[in-house]
Protein backbone atom coordinates (compact mmCIF):
# COMPACT_ATOMS: atom_id res chain seq x y z
CA UNK A 1 -8.60 -26.13 1.93
CA UNK A 2 -5.62 -24.97 3.89
CA UNK A 3 -5.68 -24.05 7.55
CA UNK A 4 -2.57 -22.02 8.15
CA UNK A 5 -1.69 -20.09 11.30
CA UNK A 6 -4.39 -17.50 11.44
CA UNK A 7 -2.41 -14.45 12.47
CA UNK A 8 -3.94 -11.30 11.17
CA UNK A 9 -1.85 -10.16 8.21
CA UNK A 10 -3.45 -6.96 7.04
CA UNK A 11 -2.16 -4.24 4.79
CA UNK A 12 -2.73 -0.55 4.43
CA UNK A 13 -6.27 -1.00 3.27
CA UNK A 14 -7.34 -2.52 6.57
CA UNK A 15 -7.22 0.32 9.02
CA UNK A 16 -9.79 0.14 11.76
CA UNK A 17 -10.87 3.37 13.40
CA UNK A 18 -13.75 3.86 15.81
CA UNK A 19 -16.63 1.41 15.66
CA UNK A 20 -19.58 3.79 15.54
CA UNK A 21 -20.46 5.04 12.06
CA UNK A 22 -23.92 6.23 12.99
CA UNK A 23 -25.63 7.34 9.79
CA UNK A 24 -23.31 5.23 7.66
CA UNK A 25 -25.20 2.13 8.61
CA UNK A 26 -28.71 3.01 9.65
CA UNK A 27 -30.24 2.59 6.20
CA UNK A 28 -28.04 -0.10 4.72
CA UNK A 29 -29.01 -3.37 6.33
CA UNK A 30 -29.97 -4.75 2.92
CA UNK A 31 -27.47 -5.66 0.22
CA UNK A 32 -27.68 -3.85 -3.09
CA UNK A 33 -26.28 -6.48 -5.40
CA UNK A 34 -27.99 -7.74 -8.49
CA UNK A 35 -29.79 -10.88 -7.44
CA UNK A 36 -32.12 -12.83 -9.71
CA UNK A 37 -32.46 -12.07 -13.41
CA UNK A 38 -31.73 -8.34 -13.30
CA UNK A 39 -29.60 -5.84 -11.39
CA UNK A 40 -29.24 -2.11 -11.47
CA UNK A 41 -25.64 -2.01 -10.32
CA UNK A 42 -26.77 0.57 -7.76
CA UNK A 43 -26.55 0.45 -3.97
CA UNK A 44 -30.36 0.27 -3.60
CA UNK A 45 -30.28 0.73 0.15
CA UNK A 46 -27.37 3.06 0.53
CA UNK A 47 -25.72 3.22 3.92
CA UNK A 48 -25.08 6.91 3.56
CA UNK A 49 -28.65 7.90 4.42
CA UNK A 50 -31.44 9.55 2.45
CA UNK A 51 -29.48 12.67 1.59
CA UNK A 52 -26.72 10.73 -0.13
CA UNK A 53 -29.21 8.40 -1.78
CA UNK A 54 -30.80 11.39 -3.52
CA UNK A 55 -27.43 12.21 -5.07
CA UNK A 56 -26.99 8.76 -6.60
CA UNK A 57 -27.96 8.24 -10.24
CA UNK A 58 -29.93 5.18 -11.29
CA UNK A 59 -28.07 2.70 -13.49
CA UNK A 60 -29.89 0.88 -16.27
CA UNK A 61 -31.11 -2.59 -15.50
CA UNK A 62 -28.78 -5.36 -16.60
CA UNK A 63 -29.87 -8.77 -17.87
CA UNK A 64 -28.04 -11.37 -15.80
CA UNK A 65 -29.38 -14.45 -17.50
CA UNK A 66 -26.20 -15.25 -19.45
CA UNK A 67 -23.15 -16.42 -17.48
CA UNK A 68 -19.76 -14.81 -18.20
CA UNK A 69 -16.29 -16.09 -17.39
CA UNK A 70 -13.99 -13.11 -16.77
CA UNK A 71 -10.24 -13.72 -16.77
CA UNK A 72 -8.09 -11.45 -14.60
CA UNK A 73 -4.30 -11.07 -14.47
CA UNK A 74 -3.13 -10.06 -11.01
CA UNK A 75 0.00 -10.57 -8.94
CA UNK A 76 -0.09 -13.25 -6.26
CA UNK A 77 -0.06 -12.84 -2.48
CA UNK A 78 -0.07 -15.18 0.48
CA UNK A 79 -3.82 -15.66 0.61
CA UNK A 80 -3.64 -18.10 3.57
CA UNK A 81 -6.96 -19.88 3.12
CA UNK A 82 -6.82 -20.44 -0.63
CA UNK A 83 -4.32 -20.52 -3.49
CA UNK A 84 -6.13 -18.28 -5.95
CA UNK A 85 -8.21 -15.12 -5.63
CA UNK A 86 -10.94 -16.84 -7.62
CA UNK A 87 -11.82 -18.51 -4.29
CA UNK A 88 -11.83 -15.26 -2.32
CA UNK A 89 -15.14 -14.87 -0.39
CA UNK A 90 -16.16 -11.46 -1.74
CA UNK A 91 -15.34 -12.61 -5.28
CA UNK A 92 -17.43 -15.72 -4.49
CA UNK A 93 -20.32 -13.48 -3.51
CA UNK A 94 -20.04 -11.31 -6.65
CA UNK A 95 -19.94 -14.46 -8.79
CA UNK A 96 -23.25 -15.61 -7.30
CA UNK A 97 -25.00 -12.26 -7.44
CA UNK A 98 -23.94 -11.19 -10.94
CA UNK A 99 -23.80 -14.61 -12.64
CA UNK A 100 -20.09 -14.35 -13.43
CA UNK A 101 -16.91 -16.26 -12.69
CA UNK A 102 -13.91 -14.12 -11.79
CA UNK A 103 -11.03 -16.34 -12.89
CA UNK A 104 -7.64 -15.09 -11.76
CA UNK A 105 -4.32 -15.86 -13.40
CA UNK A 106 -1.46 -15.30 -10.94
CA UNK A 107 2.15 -15.11 -12.14
CA UNK A 108 4.84 -16.77 -10.08
CA UNK A 109 6.17 -14.48 -7.35
CA UNK A 110 9.19 -12.63 -8.69
CA UNK A 111 8.16 -13.11 -12.33
CA UNK A 112 5.36 -10.55 -12.44
CA UNK A 113 6.96 -8.10 -14.86
CA UNK A 114 8.27 -10.72 -17.28
CA UNK A 115 4.97 -12.63 -17.19
CA UNK A 116 2.93 -9.52 -17.94
CA UNK A 117 5.33 -8.39 -20.66
CA UNK A 118 5.07 -11.82 -22.28
CA UNK A 119 1.28 -11.66 -22.26
CA UNK A 120 1.30 -8.18 -23.76
CA UNK A 121 3.81 -9.15 -26.45
CA UNK A 122 1.83 -12.22 -27.56
CA UNK A 123 -1.50 -10.42 -27.62
CA UNK A 124 -3.15 -13.25 -25.71
CA UNK A 125 -4.67 -10.94 -23.10
CA UNK A 126 -6.82 -11.71 -20.13
CA UNK A 127 -10.08 -9.76 -19.99
CA UNK A 128 -8.81 -7.63 -17.09
CA UNK A 129 -5.27 -6.63 -16.08
CA UNK A 130 -4.24 -5.22 -12.71
CA UNK A 131 -1.68 -2.58 -13.72
CA UNK A 132 0.76 -2.52 -10.79
CA UNK A 133 3.48 -4.34 -12.73
CA UNK A 134 2.82 -2.87 -16.16
CA UNK A 135 5.81 -1.17 -17.76
CA UNK A 136 3.59 0.28 -20.49
CA UNK A 137 1.61 3.36 -19.57
CA UNK A 138 -2.15 3.09 -19.87
CA UNK A 139 -2.16 5.78 -22.53
CA UNK A 140 0.23 3.73 -24.66
CA UNK A 141 -1.88 0.60 -24.26
CA UNK A 142 -4.98 2.54 -25.25
CA UNK A 143 -3.31 4.03 -28.32
CA UNK A 144 -2.20 0.54 -29.32
CA UNK A 145 -5.77 -0.69 -29.08
CA UNK A 146 -5.09 -3.00 -26.12
CA UNK A 147 -7.43 -1.53 -23.47
CA UNK A 148 -10.77 0.26 -23.34
CA UNK A 149 -11.54 3.84 -22.55
CA UNK A 150 -13.87 3.20 -19.61
CA UNK A 151 -15.23 6.75 -19.33
CA UNK A 152 -18.46 6.24 -21.32
CA UNK A 153 -19.15 2.93 -19.60
CA UNK A 154 -18.58 4.38 -16.13
CA UNK A 155 -20.98 7.19 -16.99
CA UNK A 156 -23.69 4.73 -17.95
CA UNK A 157 -23.11 1.63 -15.82
CA UNK A 158 -21.25 2.69 -12.66
CA UNK A 159 -23.37 5.22 -10.73
CA UNK A 160 -21.58 4.60 -7.44
CA UNK A 161 -18.11 5.22 -8.86
CA UNK A 162 -19.48 8.22 -10.71
CA UNK A 163 -20.86 9.54 -7.41
CA UNK A 164 -17.40 9.18 -5.82
CA UNK A 165 -15.82 11.09 -8.68
CA UNK A 166 -18.33 13.90 -8.45
CA UNK A 167 -17.74 14.18 -4.71
CA UNK A 168 -13.93 14.26 -4.93
CA UNK A 169 -12.39 16.45 -7.64
CA UNK A 170 -8.81 15.32 -6.94
CA UNK A 171 -9.83 11.69 -7.15
CA UNK A 172 -11.63 12.28 -10.46
CA UNK A 173 -8.78 14.34 -11.89
CA UNK A 174 -6.33 11.54 -11.28
CA UNK A 175 -8.55 9.10 -13.17
CA UNK A 176 -8.73 11.13 -16.40
CA UNK A 177 -6.15 11.98 -19.01
CA UNK A 178 -6.19 15.35 -20.78
CA UNK A 179 -8.70 14.08 -23.35
CA UNK A 180 -11.10 12.80 -20.71
CA UNK A 181 -10.28 9.10 -21.08
CA UNK A 182 -10.42 6.77 -18.09
CA UNK A 183 -8.28 3.68 -18.46
CA UNK A 184 -8.51 1.93 -15.08
CA UNK A 185 -10.85 1.21 -12.19
CA UNK A 186 -9.27 2.71 -9.07
CA UNK A 187 -9.01 1.81 -5.43
CA UNK A 188 -9.80 4.66 -3.09
CA UNK A 189 -10.34 5.07 0.64
CA UNK A 190 -13.05 6.97 2.39
CA UNK A 191 -11.39 8.73 5.28
CA UNK A 192 -8.38 10.86 6.06
CA UNK A 193 -5.76 11.01 7.36
CA UNK A 194 -4.22 8.26 5.35
CA UNK A 195 -3.05 5.30 7.40
CA UNK A 196 0.46 3.94 6.97
CA UNK A 197 1.03 0.21 7.34
CA UNK A 198 4.82 0.24 7.46
CA UNK A 199 7.79 2.45 8.31
CA UNK A 200 10.84 2.79 10.52
CA UNK A 201 10.77 1.13 13.93
CA UNK A 202 13.31 1.06 16.77
CA UNK A 203 14.03 -1.06 19.82
CA UNK A 204 12.96 1.11 22.69
CA UNK A 205 13.82 -1.61 25.20
CA UNK A 206 17.52 -1.28 24.31
CA UNK A 207 17.52 2.41 25.16
CA UNK A 208 15.66 1.76 28.39
CA UNK A 209 18.18 -0.92 29.36
CA UNK A 210 21.21 1.22 28.55
CA UNK A 211 19.94 4.28 30.44
CA UNK A 212 18.25 2.61 33.38
CA UNK A 213 14.95 3.90 32.12
CA UNK A 214 16.18 7.48 31.76
CA UNK A 215 16.22 7.92 27.98
CA UNK A 216 17.20 11.52 27.22
CA UNK A 217 17.09 12.46 23.56
CA UNK A 218 19.01 15.70 22.85
CA UNK A 219 15.93 17.24 21.24
CA UNK A 220 14.10 16.94 24.54
CA UNK A 221 11.38 14.86 22.88
CA UNK A 222 10.29 11.47 24.16
CA UNK A 223 10.93 9.92 20.73
CA UNK A 224 13.92 10.28 18.35
CA UNK A 225 13.07 13.11 15.94
CA UNK A 226 16.38 14.66 14.85
CA UNK A 227 19.68 13.43 13.45
CA UNK A 228 21.25 14.36 16.79
CA UNK A 229 18.70 12.13 18.55
CA UNK A 230 19.67 9.29 16.25
CA UNK A 231 23.36 9.81 16.98
CA UNK A 232 22.51 9.35 20.64
CA UNK A 233 20.27 6.34 20.00
CA UNK A 234 22.56 4.47 17.62
CA UNK A 235 25.57 4.81 19.90
CA UNK A 236 23.62 3.28 22.79
CA UNK A 237 22.50 0.46 20.52
CA UNK A 238 26.07 -0.23 19.41
CA UNK A 239 27.24 -0.41 23.03
CA UNK A 240 24.36 -2.75 23.84
CA UNK A 241 25.07 -5.16 20.99
CA UNK A 242 28.82 -5.13 21.60
CA UNK A 243 28.30 -6.02 25.25
CA UNK A 244 25.84 -8.77 24.35
CA UNK A 245 28.50 -10.71 22.46
CA UNK A 246 26.29 -11.27 19.41
CA UNK A 247 28.38 -12.42 16.41
CA UNK A 248 26.30 -10.34 14.00
CA UNK A 249 24.13 -7.32 14.69
CA UNK A 250 22.78 -4.21 13.01
CA UNK A 251 22.12 -0.92 14.75
CA UNK A 252 20.50 0.38 11.56
CA UNK A 253 19.43 -1.60 8.51
CA UNK A 254 19.14 0.24 5.20
CA UNK A 255 18.30 -1.21 1.75
CA UNK A 256 20.98 -2.73 -0.46
CA UNK A 257 20.93 0.35 -2.70
CA UNK A 258 21.61 2.62 0.26
CA UNK A 259 18.28 4.41 0.56
CA UNK A 260 14.54 3.82 0.74
CA UNK A 261 12.65 4.69 -2.42
CA UNK A 262 9.61 5.36 -0.27
CA UNK A 263 11.41 8.11 1.64
CA UNK A 264 12.19 6.61 5.03
CA UNK A 265 15.25 8.49 6.40
CA UNK A 266 15.45 10.60 3.22
CA UNK A 267 12.47 12.78 4.09
CA UNK A 268 14.25 14.04 7.19
CA UNK A 269 17.04 15.27 4.94
CA UNK A 270 14.67 17.05 2.59
CA UNK A 271 14.89 14.65 -0.31
CA UNK A 272 13.50 11.40 -1.68
CA UNK A 273 14.55 8.53 -3.92
CA UNK A 274 12.31 9.65 -6.77
CA UNK A 275 10.54 12.83 -7.91
CA UNK A 276 9.19 15.43 -5.52
CA UNK A 277 7.62 18.88 -5.73
CA UNK A 278 8.72 21.97 -3.83
CA UNK A 279 6.92 25.27 -4.52
CA UNK A 280 5.49 23.86 -7.77
CA UNK A 281 8.94 22.91 -9.04
CA UNK A 282 9.73 19.25 -9.72
CA UNK A 283 13.02 17.80 -8.46
CA UNK A 284 14.63 14.37 -8.75
CA UNK A 285 15.68 13.62 -5.18
CA UNK A 286 19.06 11.92 -5.90
CA UNK A 287 20.03 14.95 -8.02
CA UNK A 288 19.66 17.41 -5.14
CA UNK A 289 22.27 18.57 -2.64
CA UNK A 290 20.08 17.35 0.21
CA UNK A 291 20.77 13.85 -1.09
CA UNK A 292 24.46 14.65 -0.66
CA UNK A 293 23.79 15.53 2.98
CA UNK A 294 21.99 12.21 3.44
CA UNK A 295 24.86 10.21 1.93
CA UNK A 296 27.37 12.08 4.09
CA UNK A 297 25.54 11.16 7.27
CA UNK A 298 25.06 7.54 6.18
CA UNK A 299 28.80 7.30 5.47
CA UNK A 300 29.55 8.72 8.91
CA UNK A 301 27.22 6.20 10.53
CA UNK A 302 28.67 3.39 8.44
CA UNK A 303 32.20 4.28 9.57
CA UNK A 304 31.07 4.28 13.19
CA UNK A 305 29.52 0.84 12.79
CA UNK A 306 25.94 2.03 13.11
CA UNK A 307 24.81 1.06 9.61
CA UNK A 308 24.76 -2.70 9.03
CA UNK A 309 28.15 -3.39 7.51
CA UNK A 310 26.85 -6.05 5.11
CA UNK A 311 23.82 -4.10 3.88
CA UNK A 312 24.97 -3.79 0.25
CA UNK A 313 25.28 -7.52 -0.38
CA UNK A 314 21.83 -8.41 0.85
CA UNK A 315 18.38 -8.52 -0.66
CA UNK A 316 16.21 -5.58 -1.70
CA UNK A 317 12.87 -7.12 -0.72
CA UNK A 318 9.84 -5.05 0.16
CA UNK A 319 10.69 -4.90 3.85
CA UNK A 320 14.41 -4.32 3.31
CA UNK A 321 15.35 -7.11 5.67
CA UNK A 322 18.90 -8.20 4.82
CA UNK A 323 18.74 -10.94 7.39
CA UNK A 324 15.56 -11.86 9.25
CA UNK A 325 17.69 -13.54 11.91
CA UNK A 326 18.81 -10.04 12.90
CA UNK A 327 15.38 -8.48 13.19
CA UNK A 328 13.50 -11.43 14.64
CA UNK A 329 16.49 -12.65 16.59
CA UNK A 330 16.76 -9.45 18.59
CA UNK A 331 19.96 -8.31 16.86
CA UNK A 332 18.63 -5.22 15.03
CA UNK A 333 18.10 -1.77 16.49
CA UNK A 334 16.38 0.30 13.77
CA UNK A 335 14.82 -1.22 10.69
CA UNK A 336 11.83 -1.06 8.37
CA UNK A 337 8.87 -2.82 9.92
CA UNK A 338 5.14 -3.16 9.72
CA UNK A 339 2.64 -2.49 12.46
CA UNK A 340 2.86 -6.19 13.24
CA UNK A 341 6.32 -5.51 14.68
CA UNK A 342 5.17 -2.92 17.19
CA UNK A 343 4.88 -3.37 20.92
CA UNK A 344 6.01 -6.75 22.21
CA UNK A 345 4.88 -8.76 19.18
CA UNK A 346 8.46 -9.69 18.27
CA UNK A 347 9.22 -11.02 21.75
CA UNK A 348 9.95 -14.71 22.22
CA UNK A 349 9.83 -15.36 25.97
CA UNK A 350 10.58 -19.03 25.43
CA UNK A 351 14.08 -18.01 24.35
CA UNK A 352 14.39 -15.11 26.76
CA UNK A 353 13.77 -12.50 24.08
CA UNK A 354 11.61 -9.67 25.39
CA UNK A 355 11.59 -6.61 23.17
CA UNK A 356 9.66 -3.37 22.89
CA UNK A 357 9.42 -2.01 19.36
CA UNK A 358 8.12 1.50 18.66
CA UNK A 359 7.61 3.46 15.43
CA UNK A 360 9.84 6.41 14.64
CA UNK A 361 9.81 9.19 12.10
CA UNK A 362 12.66 10.14 9.81
CA UNK A 363 15.35 12.11 11.70
CA UNK A 364 15.34 15.77 10.70
CA UNK A 365 18.71 17.07 9.53
CA UNK A 366 18.51 20.21 11.67
CA UNK A 367 21.98 21.29 10.52
CA UNK A 368 20.48 22.09 7.11
CA UNK A 369 16.68 22.09 7.57
CA UNK A 370 14.06 23.35 9.98
CA UNK A 371 11.82 20.37 9.22
CA UNK A 372 11.70 17.36 6.93
CA UNK A 373 9.85 17.16 3.64
CA UNK A 374 6.42 15.61 3.21
CA UNK A 375 7.14 12.77 0.83
CA UNK A 376 4.87 9.98 2.16
CA UNK A 377 2.39 8.81 -0.45
CA UNK A 378 -1.28 9.06 0.41
CA UNK A 379 -3.53 6.25 -0.80
CA UNK A 380 -6.75 8.15 -1.37
CA UNK A 381 -5.34 9.23 -4.73
CA UNK A 382 -5.47 7.45 -8.05
CA UNK A 383 -3.75 7.42 -11.40
CA UNK A 384 -4.51 6.42 -14.98
CA UNK A 385 -1.53 4.06 -14.72
CA UNK A 386 -2.79 2.23 -11.64
CA UNK A 387 -5.82 0.09 -11.00
CA UNK A 388 -7.69 -2.40 -13.18
CA UNK A 389 -7.69 -2.03 -16.97
CA UNK A 390 -10.06 -3.95 -19.26
CA UNK A 391 -8.53 -5.27 -22.47
CA UNK A 392 -10.16 -5.56 -25.87
CA UNK A 393 -10.17 -9.32 -25.36
CA UNK A 394 -13.23 -8.67 -23.20
CA UNK A 395 -16.41 -8.47 -25.28
CA UNK A 396 -18.57 -5.44 -24.60
CA UNK A 397 -21.44 -7.38 -22.98
CA UNK A 398 -18.95 -9.04 -20.63
CA UNK A 399 -17.33 -5.65 -19.96
CA UNK A 400 -20.67 -4.17 -18.93
CA UNK A 401 -21.37 -7.09 -16.60
CA UNK A 402 -17.92 -6.77 -15.01
CA UNK A 403 -18.27 -3.02 -14.47
CA UNK A 404 -21.76 -3.46 -13.03
CA UNK A 405 -20.46 -5.95 -10.47
CA UNK A 406 -17.45 -3.82 -9.58
CA UNK A 407 -19.60 -0.71 -9.15
CA UNK A 408 -21.25 -2.28 -6.13
CA UNK A 409 -17.85 -2.18 -4.40
CA UNK A 410 -17.88 1.64 -4.68
CA UNK A 411 -21.26 1.89 -2.94
CA UNK A 412 -21.51 2.59 0.77
CA UNK A 413 -22.71 -0.88 1.71
CA UNK A 414 -20.63 -2.72 -0.89
CA UNK A 415 -17.49 -0.98 0.30
CA UNK A 416 -18.17 -2.29 3.81
CA UNK A 417 -18.38 -5.85 2.53
CA UNK A 418 -15.28 -5.30 0.43
CA UNK A 419 -13.31 -3.97 3.40
CA UNK A 420 -14.59 -6.08 6.28
CA UNK A 421 -15.97 -9.26 4.74
CA UNK A 422 -19.30 -11.02 4.39
CA UNK A 423 -22.26 -10.77 6.72
CA UNK A 424 -25.13 -13.21 7.16
CA UNK A 425 -26.92 -11.36 4.36
CA UNK A 426 -24.19 -12.16 1.84
CA UNK A 427 -24.38 -15.83 2.78
CA UNK A 428 -21.39 -16.14 5.11
CA UNK A 429 -22.84 -19.42 6.41
CA UNK A 430 -22.69 -20.84 2.87
CA UNK A 431 -19.14 -19.77 2.07
CA UNK A 432 -16.68 -22.66 2.50
CA UNK A 433 -13.98 -20.58 4.17
CA UNK A 434 -16.33 -18.85 6.58
CA UNK A 435 -17.77 -22.28 7.38
CA UNK A 436 -14.35 -23.78 8.00
CA UNK A 437 -13.35 -20.94 10.31
CA UNK A 438 -16.62 -20.98 12.23
CA UNK A 439 -17.71 -17.53 11.00
CA UNK A 440 -21.22 -18.51 9.93
CA UNK A 441 -22.61 -15.22 11.26
CA UNK A 442 -20.16 -13.27 9.16
CA UNK A 443 -17.48 -10.77 10.10
CA UNK A 444 -19.71 -7.86 11.18
CA UNK A 445 -23.31 -6.76 11.67
CA UNK A 446 -25.45 -3.72 12.46
CA UNK A 447 -26.63 -3.12 16.00
CA UNK A 448 -30.12 -1.88 16.82
CA UNK A 449 -28.97 1.74 16.42
CA UNK A 450 -27.60 1.15 12.95
CA UNK A 451 -23.94 1.17 14.00
CA UNK A 452 -21.43 -1.13 12.34
CA UNK A 453 -20.30 -3.71 14.89
CA UNK A 454 -17.56 -6.29 14.30
CA UNK A 455 -18.25 -9.87 15.27
CA UNK A 456 -15.90 -11.80 17.52
CA UNK A 457 -13.54 -13.56 15.10
CA UNK A 458 -11.90 -15.89 17.58
CA UNK A 459 -12.48 -19.61 17.29
CA UNK A 460 -11.72 -21.37 20.55
CA UNK A 461 -12.53 -24.83 19.18
CA UNK A 462 -9.89 -24.59 16.46
CA UNK A 463 -7.38 -23.27 18.98
CA UNK A 464 -8.05 -26.07 21.45
CA UNK A 465 -7.75 -28.60 18.64
CA UNK A 466 -4.34 -27.18 17.81
CA UNK A 467 -5.40 -26.30 14.26
CA UNK A 468 -4.59 -22.59 14.61
CA UNK A 469 -1.93 -20.78 16.60
CA UNK A 470 -3.63 -17.46 17.13
CA UNK A 471 -6.95 -16.20 18.48
CA UNK A 472 -7.56 -14.08 15.40
CA UNK A 473 -8.85 -14.57 11.89
CA UNK A 474 -7.34 -12.71 8.95
CA UNK A 475 -9.92 -10.24 7.71
CA UNK A 476 -7.48 -9.21 4.99
CA UNK A 477 -7.96 -12.63 3.42
CA UNK A 478 -11.67 -12.99 4.11
CA UNK A 479 -12.64 -9.51 2.88
CA UNK A 480 -12.18 -8.24 -0.68
CA UNK A 481 -9.48 -5.60 -0.52
CA UNK A 482 -7.73 -7.13 -3.52
CA UNK A 483 -10.65 -5.97 -5.71
CA UNK A 484 -11.36 -2.49 -7.07
CA UNK A 485 -13.64 -0.29 -5.00
CA UNK A 486 -13.63 1.82 -1.87
CA UNK A 487 -11.60 1.00 1.23
CA UNK A 488 -13.20 1.61 4.60
CA UNK A 489 -11.36 2.51 7.78
CA UNK A 490 -14.21 3.10 10.16
CA UNK A 491 -14.65 0.12 12.47
CA UNK A 492 -12.50 -1.54 15.09
CA UNK A 493 -12.39 -5.26 15.73
CA UNK A 494 -12.39 -6.72 19.27
CA UNK A 495 -9.30 -6.54 21.45
CA UNK A 496 -8.92 -10.29 21.16
CA UNK A 497 -8.22 -9.79 17.47
CA UNK A 498 -4.78 -8.46 16.64
CA UNK A 499 -5.69 -5.94 13.93
CA UNK A 500 -2.04 -5.20 13.12
CA UNK A 501 -2.82 -1.66 12.08
CA UNK A 502 -2.62 0.90 14.82
CA UNK A 503 -3.44 4.58 14.64
CA UNK A 504 -0.38 5.56 16.68
CA UNK A 505 2.13 3.98 14.31
CA UNK A 506 0.40 5.50 11.33
CA UNK A 507 0.53 8.98 12.83
CA UNK A 508 4.25 8.69 13.56
CA UNK A 509 5.17 7.38 10.11
CA UNK A 510 3.05 9.90 8.23
CA UNK A 511 3.92 12.82 10.50
CA UNK A 512 6.01 14.56 7.85
CA UNK A 513 2.93 14.84 5.65
CA UNK A 514 2.64 14.48 1.89
CA UNK A 515 2.79 18.04 0.57
CA UNK A 516 5.96 17.32 -1.44
CA UNK A 517 4.73 14.11 -3.07
CA UNK A 518 4.65 14.19 -6.85
CA UNK A 519 0.91 13.72 -7.47
CA UNK A 520 0.10 10.20 -8.55
CA UNK A 521 -2.54 11.50 -10.94
CA UNK A 522 -0.03 13.56 -12.94
CA UNK A 523 0.30 11.12 -15.81
CA UNK A 524 2.81 10.94 -18.66
CA UNK A 525 1.63 10.76 -22.25
CA UNK A 526 2.61 7.70 -24.28
CA UNK A 527 5.52 9.55 -25.89
CA UNK A 528 6.67 11.07 -22.60
CA UNK A 529 6.55 7.68 -20.90
CA UNK A 530 8.61 6.08 -23.65
CA UNK A 531 11.25 8.83 -23.53
CA UNK A 532 11.40 8.78 -19.74
CA UNK A 533 11.66 5.01 -19.48
CA UNK A 534 14.43 4.86 -22.08
CA UNK A 535 16.64 6.87 -19.74
CA UNK A 536 15.39 5.95 -16.29
CA UNK A 537 16.83 2.45 -15.99
CA UNK A 538 20.36 3.73 -16.53
CA UNK A 539 19.79 6.63 -14.16
CA UNK A 540 18.37 4.45 -11.38
CA UNK A 541 21.14 1.87 -11.71
CA UNK A 542 23.80 4.56 -11.54
CA UNK A 543 22.25 6.27 -8.49
CA UNK A 544 21.99 2.97 -6.62
CA UNK A 545 25.55 1.98 -7.47
CA UNK A 546 27.06 5.32 -6.48
CA UNK A 547 24.99 5.64 -3.29
CA UNK A 548 26.46 2.37 -2.01
CA UNK A 549 29.99 3.44 -2.96
CA UNK A 550 29.63 6.80 -1.22
CA UNK A 551 28.16 5.24 1.93
CA UNK A 552 30.74 2.48 2.25
CA UNK A 553 33.62 4.78 1.33
CA UNK A 554 34.78 2.82 -1.71
CA UNK A 555 34.21 6.11 -3.52
CA UNK A 556 35.20 9.23 -1.60
CA UNK A 557 32.32 11.66 -1.14
CA UNK A 558 33.34 15.29 -1.41
CA UNK A 559 32.45 18.31 -3.51
CA UNK A 560 34.57 17.13 -6.43
CA UNK A 561 33.15 13.60 -6.58
CA UNK A 562 29.63 14.93 -6.06
CA UNK A 563 30.03 17.32 -9.00
CA UNK A 564 31.19 14.40 -11.19
CA UNK A 565 28.23 12.34 -10.02
CA UNK A 566 25.79 15.08 -11.02
CA UNK A 567 27.56 15.59 -14.35
CA UNK A 568 27.11 11.91 -15.13
CA UNK A 569 23.42 12.01 -14.24
CA UNK A 570 23.02 15.01 -16.52
CA UNK A 571 24.73 13.10 -19.31
CA UNK A 572 22.31 10.23 -18.75
CA UNK A 573 19.42 12.64 -19.30
CA UNK A 574 18.18 13.28 -15.77
CA UNK A 575 17.32 16.91 -16.55
CA UNK A 576 15.31 15.83 -19.59
CA UNK A 577 13.38 13.44 -17.37
CA UNK A 578 12.80 16.15 -14.77
CA UNK A 579 11.45 18.39 -17.54
CA UNK A 580 8.99 15.65 -18.57
CA UNK A 581 7.75 15.36 -15.00
CA UNK A 582 7.48 19.13 -14.71
CA UNK A 583 5.33 19.18 -17.84
CA UNK A 584 3.14 16.42 -16.43
CA UNK A 585 2.82 18.27 -13.12
CA UNK A 586 1.88 21.55 -14.83
CA UNK A 587 -0.65 19.73 -16.99
CA UNK A 588 -2.13 18.11 -13.89
CA UNK A 589 -2.64 21.52 -12.26
CA UNK A 590 -4.28 23.12 -15.28
């Protein structure tokens, strides 16, 4: 077993709100899993109280006497305590309770798409496939006889998921195609507003230094909210870095393609890097004139030295960090960060680096808009093209066992274990990783009033022995958020534990809302997906290439060049693709 530095590395699923859940714990001190020879797949002692329990349907009893090995294809992460999700503690618990072995096959990082395509082309499927990297729509895979329609099985064997669907019409609508098929098991979260785990951040300490503590944004706000505010902020940052004598610095880091697909910066200009909806009309962001306004401002900032001059030659990784020496070396002003960057977490006093990082929203282009567009995705939605599909390589008896086990993760109590880890009841003292980290009492418990209370996850002995560098244990790795099921956001771990996710950052990043997001549940049919994909690669490559040229000035940006750009996109079929998405959107709303 590996003991790596135990800094809490948690993603969007791990958002901790207030500790008290009151009724959501009073009746759920007993696990509902299928122990022994039989299991119902139902949360027998639901944590939602008697009223909710009455709404739950009873699943048929399942014979657990025969053991099943279930193979799962899923992309790899840095799991910290283990090399494979087969060893993950919640998976370990499900294996024991449902007499199964969840055996994961992880592709090499960077080879996910090619690895999955190879598996699909050979027909040598795993029993289960996590669909994030699939280039084939679920509808196409179903028509080709590769995956199951899960709808009849969910109806019979997954009462907890069925309960979630009945309680949330939007959630259920996103799971079904027009014929009522369900192709994947979704991940959903229980509370709103949605919590964002990453977004734009800026070095507040630079502004404080340059103004003697008298930061005065033109908007009059305490934080930068408009393009004019950013003009003010970026100029101060440039002066700061120039006076520091740093050989390389970046006031603003943008991706190598010139814009964030996820909408950072773009939303303030009323556009996005993909499809969006305005007044029930679908638009492709890079084909709108607001995208022109964005490129114009980025070119202006590039000419002034605000935009990192070497941005186009660097990597396009998930965090858009062209050079980590800039961000972590104190030589970046505004960049894409996670909540782990906020506050003074990036300081290094040993080297005299003391920084204050704060989240910021996209700057609103007040010259052309009254407010930005709501293009931030919200994760309590689902889609037939996302989640966990079960292939026909999985025999029906094995399929039923798998769905029965997964259904527990949609129950009230099971979702707590999935989100926050094992308790004493689930055998935390017997799990090798909980044992190694000294968490024999588990990650959380109920108090005498039925409230959910996190345990202290610090381990002073390991710290004193020099075996860990941080006071905190990574719940993200010791819970089961990589599995299907419900996310929970309703407890807060002790102050000694750096939870990484902070409500303030989330509110800032998601402040523009999500009303203009193209709904994730608006699926494409197999034919639509094939037609769209055949054109989209060329379109995306062209947009990325031209965006860089316009920003850097290697291609002059004016009305004439913009008209030629749009003509070329039209020739590549962008309007045909928009029409496909409009059809999908209209179908979704019917």
